[in-house]
Amino acid sequence: MPLTAPSTPRPTASPPIAGEREYRLAPGWRVLFGALALALLAGGLALGAWPIVRSAGSRPGLLFGGGAFLSLLGAWFLISMRSRVTLGRDAIALEEPPFISRRLRRVEILGWRRVNLQYGMHQLVLVPRGEGLKPVKISSLYRTDQAFAAWVAALPSLDLQESLAEEEALRAELSADGRPAEPDIALRWPRRVARVLNGLALGVSLWTFLWPRPYPMAVASAFILPVLAVVAAAAWPGLVTIDERRNDPRPSVGLAFLGPGMVLALRALLDVNLVATADLVAPGVAAGLALGGAAVLADGTLRRRRWAPLLIACLTVGWGYGAVVQADVLLDHAAPTRHLVTVTAKRLASGKDHRRLLVLQPWGPISEHREVSVSTAVFRAVEPGQEVQAELHPGALGVAWYVVRAP
């Protein structure tokens, strides 16, 4: 059941509960856990018995170990089906065998938080008052009711308290700077701009990652959005943040700042064949640090957090490397030189990218055998022992790069 924030930060008397109420995993999750448990147990037994049934002499220990792991995982799912939350008038208990068993009295609970998890899941966290007490974390897998929601909602919402405190601090900052003291008025345009930038970042990241066509436009979009995020933070100092903090009323442009840059670096690694990759590492690091430094100057909240500037610098290095590599390629309009190169091997890369790779003999400026990624058409057109054409470009930044084509 959804929880509503209490109207007051002070705890009220607990709602009357007749006896204890017990809450189990929702029926759908119990069925899923049971099916997974049976499948894993069956798979573990089959894998462990395989060396015995087939008299397999190769790596029986590995098969036994794999079977034992699957069996233990299946047993864990089976035991987890017994998880339960027990609610009384003055206490709440959580039992998630085989490892978790916690109980908090109502007077020991400071308040509650809602923590969003992946895939639409969330977790209710009951935070204890004293040291030595552990929080009770109840996932959304449990089937609760109105009585449970009322019992929790009568406790202070720590999220609400922090949100009110952040809003009051922001109101004081606005008044001190002579700006409109009402946060909703001051944040109207920053919120709109942040929403647009983050929405564009999501679309551009998917576009550049999945189907970057036209390629120069996709790459340019991924390059410019992190810069626009910094510009937004600088245009509304103290109102737009780059890193998102819990319960902060200020809008964040963190997705626009980080997402496209990561995809830009990935595209540079997957799509560009440099003769000497190390030659662009230093310029890439410098460009990334420049963007990170601009972000720290634009967003004052980053300067108040000890490790935030270092973390931002590490994250922007990928954007910087991708930017200089793509600039070296896309701004290079010089005529290439062509070389015929013998293919010594070919293979499909394992993993999700399904890259097609050729191993080429030394040629031109490359003095060793090198594996390069090629298009599907080139991969299908040549076999080991045949030749491909390598087009060597000087590079707009002076670092040579090449493209492999069918002869």
Protein backbone atom coordinates (compact mmCIF):
# COMPACT_ATOMS: atom_id res chain seq x y z
CA MET A 1 0.00 0.00 0.00
CA PRO A 2 1.31 3.52 -0.71
CA LEU A 3 2.48 5.47 2.29
CA THR A 4 1.45 9.09 2.80
CA ALA A 5 3.77 11.48 4.61
CA PRO A 6 2.50 12.53 8.03
CA SER A 7 1.38 16.13 8.38
CA THR A 8 3.62 16.64 11.42
CA PRO A 9 7.24 15.66 12.10
CA ARG A 10 6.30 14.45 15.57
CA PRO A 11 5.23 10.84 16.14
CA THR A 12 1.62 10.29 17.12
CA ALA A 13 0.04 7.47 19.03
CA SER A 14 0.10 4.22 17.10
CA PRO A 15 -3.21 3.25 15.46
CA PRO A 16 -5.11 0.59 17.37
CA ILE A 17 -4.29 -2.94 16.18
CA ALA A 18 -6.16 -5.97 17.40
CA GLY A 19 -3.41 -8.45 18.20
CA GLU A 20 -0.53 -8.93 15.80
CA ARG A 21 -0.70 -8.69 12.04
CA GLU A 22 1.55 -10.80 9.85
CA TYR A 23 2.54 -9.85 6.32
CA ARG A 24 4.07 -12.28 3.85
CA LEU A 25 5.51 -11.92 0.37
CA ALA A 26 2.86 -11.12 -2.22
CA PRO A 27 1.45 -14.27 -3.92
CA GLY A 28 3.07 -13.47 -7.25
CA TRP A 29 6.51 -13.19 -5.67
CA ARG A 30 6.00 -16.41 -3.70
CA VAL A 31 5.20 -18.24 -6.94
CA LEU A 32 8.25 -16.73 -8.65
CA PHE A 33 10.57 -17.56 -5.75
CA GLY A 34 9.22 -21.12 -5.64
CA ALA A 35 9.71 -21.63 -9.38
CA LEU A 36 13.25 -20.25 -9.21
CA ALA A 37 14.04 -22.46 -6.22
CA LEU A 38 12.85 -25.63 -7.98
CA ALA A 39 14.65 -24.74 -11.21
CA LEU A 40 17.94 -23.97 -9.43
CA LEU A 41 17.77 -27.06 -7.23
CA ALA A 42 17.06 -29.28 -10.25
CA GLY A 43 19.84 -27.63 -12.25
CA GLY A 44 22.28 -27.95 -9.36
CA LEU A 45 21.55 -31.63 -8.85
CA ALA A 46 21.81 -32.34 -12.56
CA LEU A 47 25.10 -30.47 -12.89
CA GLY A 48 26.58 -32.12 -9.81
CA ALA A 49 25.51 -35.58 -10.96
CA TRP A 50 26.77 -35.15 -14.51
CA PRO A 51 30.33 -36.45 -13.89
CA ILE A 52 28.91 -39.55 -12.18
CA VAL A 53 26.26 -40.36 -14.79
CA ARG A 54 28.47 -39.70 -17.81
CA SER A 55 31.77 -40.74 -16.15
CA ALA A 56 33.18 -37.40 -17.16
CA GLY A 57 36.86 -37.13 -16.46
CA SER A 58 37.37 -33.46 -17.28
CA ARG A 59 36.98 -30.93 -14.48
CA PRO A 60 34.60 -32.88 -12.22
CA GLY A 61 35.41 -30.51 -9.37
CA LEU A 62 34.19 -27.55 -11.41
CA LEU A 63 30.92 -29.33 -12.19
CA PHE A 64 30.42 -30.32 -8.55
CA GLY A 65 31.18 -26.77 -7.44
CA GLY A 66 28.76 -25.28 -9.97
CA GLY A 67 26.08 -27.74 -8.93
CA ALA A 68 26.60 -26.91 -5.26
CA PHE A 69 26.36 -23.18 -5.96
CA LEU A 70 23.09 -23.55 -7.88
CA SER A 71 21.68 -25.80 -5.17
CA LEU A 72 22.57 -23.30 -2.43
CA LEU A 73 21.02 -20.48 -4.43
CA GLY A 74 17.86 -22.53 -4.92
CA ALA A 75 17.74 -23.33 -1.21
CA TRP A 76 18.06 -19.62 -0.42
CA PHE A 77 15.07 -18.79 -2.63
CA LEU A 78 13.11 -21.60 -1.00
CA ILE A 79 13.91 -20.42 2.53
CA SER A 80 13.23 -16.79 1.58
CA MET A 81 9.62 -17.69 0.89
CA ARG A 82 9.18 -17.85 4.70
CA SER A 83 10.04 -14.15 5.07
CA ARG A 84 7.50 -12.15 7.05
CA VAL A 85 6.82 -8.84 8.76
CA THR A 86 5.03 -8.94 12.11
CA LEU A 87 3.27 -5.77 13.22
CA GLY A 88 2.06 -5.15 16.75
CA ARG A 89 0.70 -2.06 18.45
CA ASP A 90 4.07 -1.05 19.89
CA ALA A 91 6.65 -2.96 17.81
CA ILE A 92 7.51 -4.27 14.37
CA ALA A 93 9.64 -7.29 13.48
CA LEU A 94 11.21 -8.46 10.23
CA GLU A 95 12.30 -12.05 9.61
CA GLU A 96 14.06 -12.89 6.36
CA PRO A 97 15.74 -16.25 6.89
CA PRO A 98 18.40 -17.42 6.99
CA PHE A 99 20.29 -14.23 7.95
CA ILE A 100 17.98 -11.35 8.92
CA SER A 101 15.90 -11.14 12.09
CA ARG A 102 15.26 -7.65 13.46
CA ARG A 103 12.76 -6.04 15.80
CA LEU A 104 12.20 -2.43 16.78
CA ARG A 105 9.87 -1.06 19.40
CA ARG A 106 7.89 1.96 18.33
CA VAL A 107 9.68 4.23 20.82
CA GLU A 108 13.01 3.13 19.29
CA ILE A 109 12.06 4.34 15.79
CA LEU A 110 13.27 7.81 14.81
CA GLY A 111 11.26 7.85 11.58
CA TRP A 112 10.88 6.30 8.14
CA ARG A 113 12.25 6.80 4.67
CA ARG A 114 11.23 5.52 1.27
CA VAL A 115 14.21 4.40 -0.84
CA ASN A 116 13.64 3.85 -4.54
CA LEU A 117 15.36 0.83 -6.03
CA GLN A 118 15.78 -0.41 -9.59
CA TYR A 119 12.98 -1.64 -11.85
CA GLY A 120 10.26 0.31 -10.04
CA MET A 121 10.88 -1.37 -6.68
CA HIS A 122 11.15 0.54 -3.42
CA GLN A 123 12.07 -0.08 0.17
CA LEU A 124 10.65 1.23 3.42
CA VAL A 125 13.43 1.95 5.92
CA LEU A 126 12.60 2.37 9.61
CA VAL A 127 15.50 4.31 11.12
CA PRO A 128 16.29 3.61 14.81
CA ARG A 129 17.01 6.32 17.37
CA GLY A 130 19.90 4.90 19.33
CA GLU A 131 23.32 3.58 18.42
CA GLY A 132 23.69 -0.15 18.20
CA LEU A 133 20.21 -0.62 16.71
CA LYS A 134 19.95 -1.65 13.07
CA PRO A 135 17.32 -0.26 10.69
CA VAL A 136 14.43 -2.41 9.55
CA LYS A 137 14.25 -2.47 5.76
CA ILE A 138 10.99 -3.73 4.29
CA SER A 139 10.87 -4.19 0.52
CA SER A 140 7.84 -3.67 -1.67
CA LEU A 141 7.68 -7.45 -2.20
CA TYR A 142 5.45 -7.75 0.87
CA ARG A 143 1.69 -7.55 0.63
CA THR A 144 0.59 -4.98 3.23
CA ASP A 145 -2.69 -3.23 3.99
CA GLN A 146 -4.18 0.02 5.24
CA ALA A 147 -3.44 -0.83 8.86
CA PHE A 148 0.27 -1.20 8.04
CA ALA A 149 0.29 2.08 6.09
CA ALA A 150 -1.45 3.91 8.93
CA TRP A 151 0.98 2.49 11.53
CA VAL A 152 3.98 3.72 9.54
CA ALA A 153 2.45 7.05 8.48
CA ALA A 154 1.93 7.95 12.16
CA LEU A 155 5.73 8.00 12.49
CA PRO A 156 7.80 11.01 11.39
CA SER A 157 8.76 11.07 7.72
CA LEU A 158 12.48 11.79 7.65
CA ASP A 159 12.24 12.54 3.93
CA LEU A 160 9.63 15.21 4.64
CA GLN A 161 11.68 16.71 7.47
CA GLU A 162 14.80 16.94 5.29
CA SER A 163 12.81 18.35 2.38
CA LEU A 164 11.34 21.07 4.59
CA ALA A 165 14.78 21.87 6.01
CA GLU A 166 16.32 22.10 2.52
CA GLU A 167 13.48 24.34 1.36
CA GLU A 168 13.91 26.63 4.36
CA ALA A 169 17.67 26.84 3.75
CA LEU A 170 17.02 27.68 0.11
CA ARG A 171 14.50 30.36 1.14
CA ALA A 172 17.14 31.93 3.41
CA GLU A 173 19.73 31.91 0.60
CA LEU A 174 17.31 33.55 -1.81
CA SER A 175 16.44 36.27 0.71
CA ALA A 176 20.11 36.95 1.41
CA ASP A 177 20.79 37.37 -2.32
CA GLY A 178 17.80 39.65 -2.87
CA ARG A 179 16.00 37.15 -5.07
CA PRO A 180 12.34 36.09 -4.79
CA ALA A 181 12.14 34.26 -1.48
CA GLU A 182 9.51 31.77 -2.59
CA PRO A 183 11.33 28.66 -3.92
CA ASP A 184 8.52 27.68 -6.30
CA ILE A 185 8.83 31.04 -8.08
CA ALA A 186 12.63 31.11 -8.13
CA LEU A 187 12.87 27.51 -9.38
CA ARG A 188 10.23 27.73 -12.10
CA TRP A 189 12.57 28.27 -15.05
CA PRO A 190 15.50 26.23 -13.67
CA ARG A 191 13.17 23.25 -13.30
CA ARG A 192 11.90 23.62 -16.86
CA VAL A 193 15.41 23.90 -18.29
CA ALA A 194 16.67 20.95 -16.24
CA ARG A 195 13.72 18.84 -17.37
CA VAL A 196 14.44 19.66 -21.02
CA LEU A 197 18.18 19.01 -20.75
CA ASN A 198 17.73 15.69 -18.95
CA GLY A 199 15.07 14.59 -21.43
CA LEU A 200 17.35 15.46 -24.34
CA ALA A 201 20.21 13.65 -22.63
CA LEU A 202 18.22 10.45 -22.35
CA GLY A 203 17.18 10.61 -26.00
CA VAL A 204 20.64 11.53 -27.26
CA SER A 205 22.31 8.82 -25.19
CA LEU A 206 20.01 6.13 -26.60
CA TRP A 207 20.34 7.52 -30.12
CA THR A 208 24.13 7.71 -30.01
CA PHE A 209 24.46 4.28 -28.40
CA LEU A 210 21.94 2.31 -30.46
CA TRP A 211 21.86 3.93 -33.91
CA PRO A 212 24.14 6.97 -34.35
CA ARG A 213 22.88 8.11 -37.74
CA PRO A 214 23.76 10.68 -38.97
CA TYR A 215 26.95 10.04 -37.07
CA PRO A 216 28.39 13.59 -36.85
CA MET A 217 25.09 14.97 -35.52
CA ALA A 218 24.76 12.24 -32.89
CA VAL A 219 28.33 12.73 -31.70
CA ALA A 220 27.99 16.53 -31.65
CA SER A 221 24.82 16.25 -29.56
CA ALA A 222 26.52 13.95 -27.06
CA PHE A 223 29.42 16.42 -26.89
CA ILE A 224 27.39 19.59 -26.33
CA LEU A 225 24.85 18.43 -23.72
CA PRO A 226 27.34 18.13 -20.80
CA VAL A 227 28.55 21.63 -21.66
CA LEU A 228 24.97 22.95 -21.63
CA ALA A 229 24.45 21.31 -18.23
CA VAL A 230 27.38 23.30 -16.83
CA VAL A 231 26.05 26.47 -18.50
CA ALA A 232 22.66 25.92 -16.81
CA ALA A 233 24.31 25.48 -13.40
CA ALA A 234 26.32 28.66 -13.96
CA ALA A 235 23.29 30.63 -15.21
CA TRP A 236 21.29 29.84 -12.04
CA PRO A 237 23.92 29.61 -9.29
CA GLY A 238 22.59 27.89 -6.23
CA LEU A 239 19.37 26.88 -8.01
CA VAL A 240 20.58 24.20 -10.45
CA THR A 241 22.80 21.37 -9.25
CA ILE A 242 24.90 18.87 -11.14
CA ASP A 243 24.79 16.12 -8.56
CA GLU A 244 21.36 15.12 -7.27
CA ARG A 245 20.88 15.02 -3.51
CA ARG A 246 18.06 13.37 -1.63
CA ASN A 247 15.18 15.74 -0.78
CA ASP A 248 16.88 18.75 -2.39
CA PRO A 249 14.26 21.01 -4.03
CA ARG A 250 16.81 22.29 -6.51
CA PRO A 251 16.61 20.63 -9.93
CA SER A 252 19.58 18.56 -11.05
CA VAL A 253 21.11 18.34 -14.53
CA GLY A 254 23.21 15.33 -13.55
CA LEU A 255 21.81 13.11 -16.31
CA ALA A 256 22.63 15.70 -18.98
CA PHE A 257 26.11 16.16 -17.50
CA LEU A 258 27.12 12.49 -17.27
CA GLY A 259 25.00 10.35 -19.61
CA PRO A 260 25.96 11.67 -23.06
CA GLY A 261 29.62 11.89 -22.08
CA MET A 262 29.76 8.22 -21.19
CA VAL A 263 28.20 7.27 -24.53
CA LEU A 264 30.60 9.63 -26.35
CA ALA A 265 33.58 7.82 -24.80
CA LEU A 266 32.06 4.44 -25.70
CA ARG A 267 31.58 5.44 -29.32
CA ALA A 268 35.19 6.60 -29.52
CA LEU A 269 36.42 3.26 -28.17
CA LEU A 270 34.21 1.16 -30.44
CA ASP A 271 34.25 3.14 -33.68
CA VAL A 272 37.68 4.74 -34.07
CA ASN A 273 40.93 2.97 -34.92
CA LEU A 274 43.85 5.18 -33.88
CA VAL A 275 47.41 4.41 -34.88
CA ALA A 276 48.68 5.55 -31.46
CA THR A 277 45.86 5.69 -28.91
CA ALA A 278 48.16 6.98 -26.15
CA ASP A 279 48.78 10.21 -28.06
CA LEU A 280 45.24 11.42 -27.30
CA VAL A 281 45.09 10.33 -23.67
CA ALA A 282 46.72 13.48 -22.27
CA PRO A 283 44.57 15.90 -24.35
CA GLY A 284 41.47 13.89 -23.38
CA VAL A 285 42.33 14.06 -19.69
CA ALA A 286 42.97 17.80 -19.97
CA ALA A 287 39.62 18.38 -21.72
CA GLY A 288 37.80 16.28 -19.14
CA LEU A 289 39.43 18.09 -16.22
CA ALA A 290 38.51 21.43 -17.80
CA LEU A 291 34.84 20.40 -17.96
CA GLY A 292 34.99 19.01 -14.42
CA GLY A 293 36.59 22.19 -13.13
CA ALA A 294 33.92 24.30 -14.81
CA ALA A 295 31.23 22.13 -13.19
CA VAL A 296 32.74 22.57 -9.72
CA LEU A 297 32.93 26.35 -10.21
CA ALA A 298 29.32 26.48 -11.47
CA ASP A 299 27.80 24.29 -8.74
CA GLY A 300 28.74 25.46 -5.27
CA THR A 301 27.33 22.33 -3.63
CA LEU A 302 30.15 20.33 -5.20
CA ARG A 303 32.77 22.46 -3.47
CA ARG A 304 31.18 21.78 -0.09
CA ARG A 305 31.51 18.00 -0.44
CA ARG A 306 34.97 16.62 0.22
CA TRP A 307 35.29 14.01 -2.53
CA ALA A 308 32.85 15.46 -5.06
CA PRO A 309 35.42 17.43 -7.15
CA LEU A 310 37.64 14.35 -7.46
CA LEU A 311 34.70 12.16 -8.44
CA ILE A 312 33.51 14.70 -11.02
CA ALA A 313 37.01 14.86 -12.48
CA CYS A 314 37.16 11.08 -12.85
CA LEU A 315 33.76 10.96 -14.53
CA THR A 316 34.49 13.74 -17.02
CA VAL A 317 37.74 12.20 -18.26
CA GLY A 318 35.69 9.83 -20.44
CA TRP A 319 33.86 12.77 -22.01
CA GLY A 320 37.18 14.50 -22.65
CA TYR A 321 38.75 11.46 -24.32
CA GLY A 322 35.68 10.88 -26.48
CA ALA A 323 35.58 14.54 -27.45
CA VAL A 324 39.20 14.78 -28.62
CA VAL A 325 39.07 11.44 -30.46
CA GLN A 326 35.90 12.38 -32.31
CA ALA A 327 37.32 15.83 -33.08
CA ASP A 328 40.47 14.23 -34.50
CA VAL A 329 38.32 12.13 -36.83
CA LEU A 330 35.32 14.27 -37.76
CA LEU A 331 37.31 17.47 -38.35
CA ASP A 332 39.86 15.69 -40.55
CA HIS A 333 39.15 16.53 -44.20
CA ALA A 334 42.54 15.58 -45.65
CA ALA A 335 42.80 12.93 -48.36
CA PRO A 336 43.78 9.51 -46.98
CA THR A 337 46.54 7.20 -48.16
CA ARG A 338 45.54 3.63 -48.99
CA HIS A 339 47.30 0.39 -48.08
CA LEU A 340 46.55 -3.23 -48.94
CA VAL A 341 46.82 -5.35 -45.79
CA THR A 342 46.60 -9.13 -45.34
CA VAL A 343 44.04 -10.57 -42.92
CA THR A 344 45.48 -13.30 -40.69
CA ALA A 345 42.35 -14.16 -38.63
CA LYS A 346 38.76 -13.12 -37.96
CA ARG A 347 36.35 -13.63 -35.08
CA LEU A 348 33.15 -12.41 -33.46
CA ALA A 349 33.66 -10.62 -30.15
CA SER A 350 31.93 -12.14 -27.15
CA GLY A 351 29.54 -10.00 -25.14
CA LYS A 352 26.65 -7.71 -25.97
CA ASP A 353 28.36 -5.58 -28.62
CA HIS A 354 28.77 -8.45 -31.15
CA ARG A 355 31.70 -6.68 -32.81
CA ARG A 356 33.27 -8.21 -35.91
CA LEU A 357 37.05 -8.31 -35.61
CA LEU A 358 39.87 -8.87 -38.09
CA VAL A 359 43.53 -9.45 -37.23
CA LEU A 360 45.77 -7.58 -39.70
CA GLN A 361 49.44 -8.03 -40.52
CA PRO A 362 51.82 -5.11 -39.82
CA TRP A 363 51.44 -2.34 -42.38
CA GLY A 364 52.41 1.31 -42.86
CA PRO A 365 52.91 2.97 -39.47
CA ILE A 366 51.75 -0.13 -37.53
CA SER A 367 54.60 -2.50 -36.74
CA GLU A 368 52.65 -5.32 -35.04
CA HIS A 369 49.65 -7.54 -35.70
CA ARG A 370 46.55 -5.62 -34.65
CA GLU A 371 42.92 -6.58 -34.15
CA VAL A 372 40.43 -4.06 -35.55
CA SER A 373 36.66 -3.78 -35.58
CA VAL A 374 35.04 -3.71 -39.03
CA SER A 375 31.57 -3.47 -40.51
CA THR A 376 29.44 -6.54 -41.14
CA ALA A 377 29.91 -6.16 -44.91
CA VAL A 378 33.72 -6.17 -44.64
CA PHE A 379 33.68 -9.07 -42.17
CA ARG A 380 31.63 -11.22 -44.54
CA ALA A 381 33.58 -10.23 -47.65
CA VAL A 382 37.04 -11.38 -46.56
CA GLU A 383 38.63 -14.54 -45.17
CA PRO A 384 42.04 -15.10 -43.56
CA GLY A 385 44.76 -14.85 -46.20
CA GLN A 386 42.88 -12.27 -48.26
CA GLU A 387 43.58 -8.54 -48.36
CA VAL A 388 41.63 -5.53 -47.17
CA GLN A 389 42.16 -1.85 -47.83
CA ALA A 390 43.26 0.37 -44.94
CA GLU A 391 42.60 4.09 -45.45
CA LEU A 392 45.06 6.07 -43.34
CA HIS A 393 44.05 9.61 -42.31
CA PRO A 394 46.45 12.15 -40.75
CA GLY A 395 43.94 13.33 -38.08
CA ALA A 396 42.77 16.88 -37.44
CA LEU A 397 44.70 16.91 -34.14
CA GLY A 398 47.76 15.24 -35.65
CA VAL A 399 47.00 11.67 -34.46
CA ALA A 400 46.60 9.30 -37.42
CA TRP A 401 43.54 7.05 -37.65
CA TYR A 402 42.38 4.51 -40.21
CA VAL A 403 39.35 2.75 -41.62
CA VAL A 404 39.35 -0.80 -42.96
CA ARG A 405 37.31 -1.48 -46.09
CA ALA A 406 36.87 -4.36 -48.51
CA PRO A 407 39.24 -4.09 -51.50
